Amino acid sequence: MRGLHQMLYEVVDNAIDEVQGGHAKAVHVEIFPDGWVGVCDDGRGIPTDMHPKTGVSALETVLTVSKVTSRHDTRLDDVCVTSTPTD
């Protein structure tokens, strides 16, 4: 469960960074009655190329490593992340 919370935290943190950096104007977080959580923003998207420090995709790095920033050219745009409940 802790890993799921960390992933959600990182997705929300990335969305807020986009707003603070002037690359997005809105962040939408929705908690559904069945335990699902959705996060959307109108920013540049999550980078998808290889991260130079972790050696894995920037997408994986953004979702699993705390406080990592990625400035890359290849991005996954127009995606909303939804996490499922674990119980």
C-alpha atoms as a PDB file:
ATOM      1  CA  MET A   1       0.000   0.000   0.000  1.00  0.00           C
ATOM      2  CA  ARG A   2       2.878   2.368   0.757  1.00  0.00           C
ATOM      3  CA  GLY A   3       4.155   2.036  -2.825  1.00  0.00           C
ATOM      4  CA  LEU A   4       0.760   2.971  -4.215  1.00  0.00           C
ATOM      5  CA  HIS A   5       0.593   6.037  -1.982  1.00  0.00           C
ATOM      6  CA  GLN A   6       4.102   7.054  -3.087  1.00  0.00           C
ATOM      7  CA  MET A   7       3.177   6.683  -6.767  1.00  0.00           C
ATOM      8  CA  LEU A   8       0.067   8.836  -6.284  1.00  0.00           C
ATOM      9  CA  TYR A   9       2.119  11.422  -4.399  1.00  0.00           C
ATOM     10  CA  GLU A  10       4.667  11.578  -7.234  1.00  0.00           C
ATOM     11  CA  VAL A  11       1.972  11.951  -9.918  1.00  0.00           C
ATOM     12  CA  VAL A  12       0.295  14.793  -8.018  1.00  0.00           C
ATOM     13  CA  ASP A  13       3.690  16.379  -7.299  1.00  0.00           C
ATOM     14  CA  ASN A  14       4.580  16.242 -11.014  1.00  0.00           C
ATOM     15  CA  ALA A  15       1.257  17.884 -11.904  1.00  0.00           C
ATOM     16  CA  ILE A  16       1.818  20.664  -9.360  1.00  0.00           C
ATOM     17  CA  ASP A  17       5.359  21.199 -10.695  1.00  0.00           C
ATOM     18  CA  GLU A  18       3.858  21.726 -14.167  1.00  0.00           C
ATOM     19  CA  VAL A  19       1.574  24.473 -12.803  1.00  0.00           C
ATOM     20  CA  GLN A  20       4.353  26.118 -10.793  1.00  0.00           C
ATOM     21  CA  GLY A  21       6.614  26.044 -13.844  1.00  0.00           C
ATOM     22  CA  GLY A  22       3.992  27.777 -15.974  1.00  0.00           C
ATOM     23  CA  HIS A  23       3.390  24.709 -18.179  1.00  0.00           C
ATOM     24  CA  ALA A  24      -0.131  23.935 -16.917  1.00  0.00           C
ATOM     25  CA  LYS A  25      -3.087  25.838 -15.579  1.00  0.00           C
ATOM     26  CA  ALA A  26      -5.117  23.082 -13.922  1.00  0.00           C
ATOM     27  CA  VAL A  27      -4.716  19.918 -11.863  1.00  0.00           C
ATOM     28  CA  HIS A  28      -7.694  17.659 -11.221  1.00  0.00           C
ATOM     29  CA  VAL A  29      -7.556  14.969  -8.524  1.00  0.00           C
ATOM     30  CA  GLU A  30     -10.628  12.805  -8.055  1.00  0.00           C
ATOM     31  CA  ILE A  31     -11.177  10.139  -5.415  1.00  0.00           C
ATOM     32  CA  PHE A  32     -13.903   7.761  -6.519  1.00  0.00           C
ATOM     33  CA  PRO A  33     -16.286   5.972  -4.100  1.00  0.00           C
ATOM     34  CA  ASP A  34     -14.830   2.562  -5.022  1.00  0.00           C
ATOM     35  CA  GLY A  35     -11.290   3.581  -3.957  1.00  0.00           C
ATOM     36  CA  TRP A  36      -9.867   4.560  -7.364  1.00  0.00           C
ATOM     37  CA  VAL A  37      -7.977   7.838  -7.677  1.00  0.00           C
ATOM     38  CA  GLY A  38      -7.604   9.849 -10.888  1.00  0.00           C
ATOM     39  CA  VAL A  39      -5.090  12.650 -11.530  1.00  0.00           C
ATOM     40  CA  CYS A  40      -5.111  14.860 -14.638  1.00  0.00           C
ATOM     41  CA  ASP A  41      -3.384  18.071 -15.614  1.00  0.00           C
ATOM     42  CA  ASP A  42      -3.142  20.131 -18.783  1.00  0.00           C
ATOM     43  CA  GLY A  43       0.658  20.264 -18.728  1.00  0.00           C
ATOM     44  CA  ARG A  44       3.354  18.877 -21.023  1.00  0.00           C
ATOM     45  CA  GLY A  45       2.975  15.254 -19.962  1.00  0.00           C
ATOM     46  CA  ILE A  46       5.336  12.822 -18.276  1.00  0.00           C
ATOM     47  CA  PRO A  47       8.670  12.273 -20.035  1.00  0.00           C
ATOM     48  CA  THR A  48       9.109   8.810 -21.572  1.00  0.00           C
ATOM     49  CA  ASP A  49      12.757   8.647 -22.664  1.00  0.00           C
ATOM     50  CA  MET A  50      15.528   7.074 -20.573  1.00  0.00           C
ATOM     51  CA  HIS A  51      16.438   8.972 -17.420  1.00  0.00           C
ATOM     52  CA  PRO A  52      20.204   9.642 -17.332  1.00  0.00           C
ATOM     53  CA  LYS A  53      20.647   9.048 -13.583  1.00  0.00           C
ATOM     54  CA  THR A  54      18.393   6.033 -12.984  1.00  0.00           C
ATOM     55  CA  GLY A  55      18.938   4.125 -16.244  1.00  0.00           C
ATOM     56  CA  VAL A  56      15.212   3.365 -16.620  1.00  0.00           C
ATOM     57  CA  SER A  57      12.479   5.287 -18.415  1.00  0.00           C
ATOM     58  CA  ALA A  58      11.713   8.730 -17.077  1.00  0.00           C
ATOM     59  CA  LEU A  59       8.081   7.609 -16.751  1.00  0.00           C
ATOM     60  CA  GLU A  60       9.099   4.825 -14.350  1.00  0.00           C
ATOM     61  CA  THR A  61      11.463   7.175 -12.527  1.00  0.00           C
ATOM     62  CA  VAL A  62       8.816   9.877 -12.067  1.00  0.00           C
ATOM     63  CA  LEU A  63       6.365   7.343 -10.627  1.00  0.00           C
ATOM     64  CA  THR A  64       8.765   5.462  -8.350  1.00  0.00           C
ATOM     65  CA  VAL A  65      11.612   7.744  -7.206  1.00  0.00           C
ATOM     66  CA  SER A  66      10.875  10.569  -4.805  1.00  0.00           C
ATOM     67  CA  LYS A  67      11.652  14.152  -5.829  1.00  0.00           C
ATOM     68  CA  VAL A  68      13.210  13.419  -9.210  1.00  0.00           C
ATOM     69  CA  THR A  69      12.856  15.999 -11.957  1.00  0.00           C
ATOM     70  CA  SER A  70      13.081  15.105 -15.624  1.00  0.00           C
ATOM     71  CA  ARG A  71      13.628  17.523 -18.440  1.00  0.00           C
ATOM     72  CA  HIS A  72      13.420  15.472 -21.622  1.00  0.00           C
ATOM     73  CA  ASP A  73      12.142  15.843 -25.180  1.00  0.00           C
ATOM     74  CA  THR A  74       9.980  12.721 -25.460  1.00  0.00           C
ATOM     75  CA  ARG A  75       6.787  13.043 -23.433  1.00  0.00           C
ATOM     76  CA  LEU A  76       3.596  11.098 -22.920  1.00  0.00           C
ATOM     77  CA  ASP A  77       0.973  13.811 -23.428  1.00  0.00           C
ATOM     78  CA  ASP A  78      -2.735  13.902 -22.651  1.00  0.00           C
ATOM     79  CA  VAL A  79      -2.676  11.046 -20.170  1.00  0.00           C
ATOM     80  CA  CYS A  80      -4.564  10.776 -16.939  1.00  0.00           C
ATOM     81  CA  VAL A  81      -3.183   8.431 -14.307  1.00  0.00           C
ATOM     82  CA  THR A  82      -5.643   6.328 -12.355  1.00  0.00           C
ATOM     83  CA  SER A  83      -4.590   4.106  -9.507  1.00  0.00           C
ATOM     84  CA  THR A  84      -6.606   1.174  -8.257  1.00  0.00           C
ATOM     85  CA  PRO A  85      -7.308   0.288  -4.659  1.00  0.00           C
ATOM     86  CA  THR A  86      -5.181  -2.519  -3.252  1.00  0.00           C
ATOM     87  CA  ASP A  87      -7.732  -4.046  -0.885  1.00  0.00           C
END
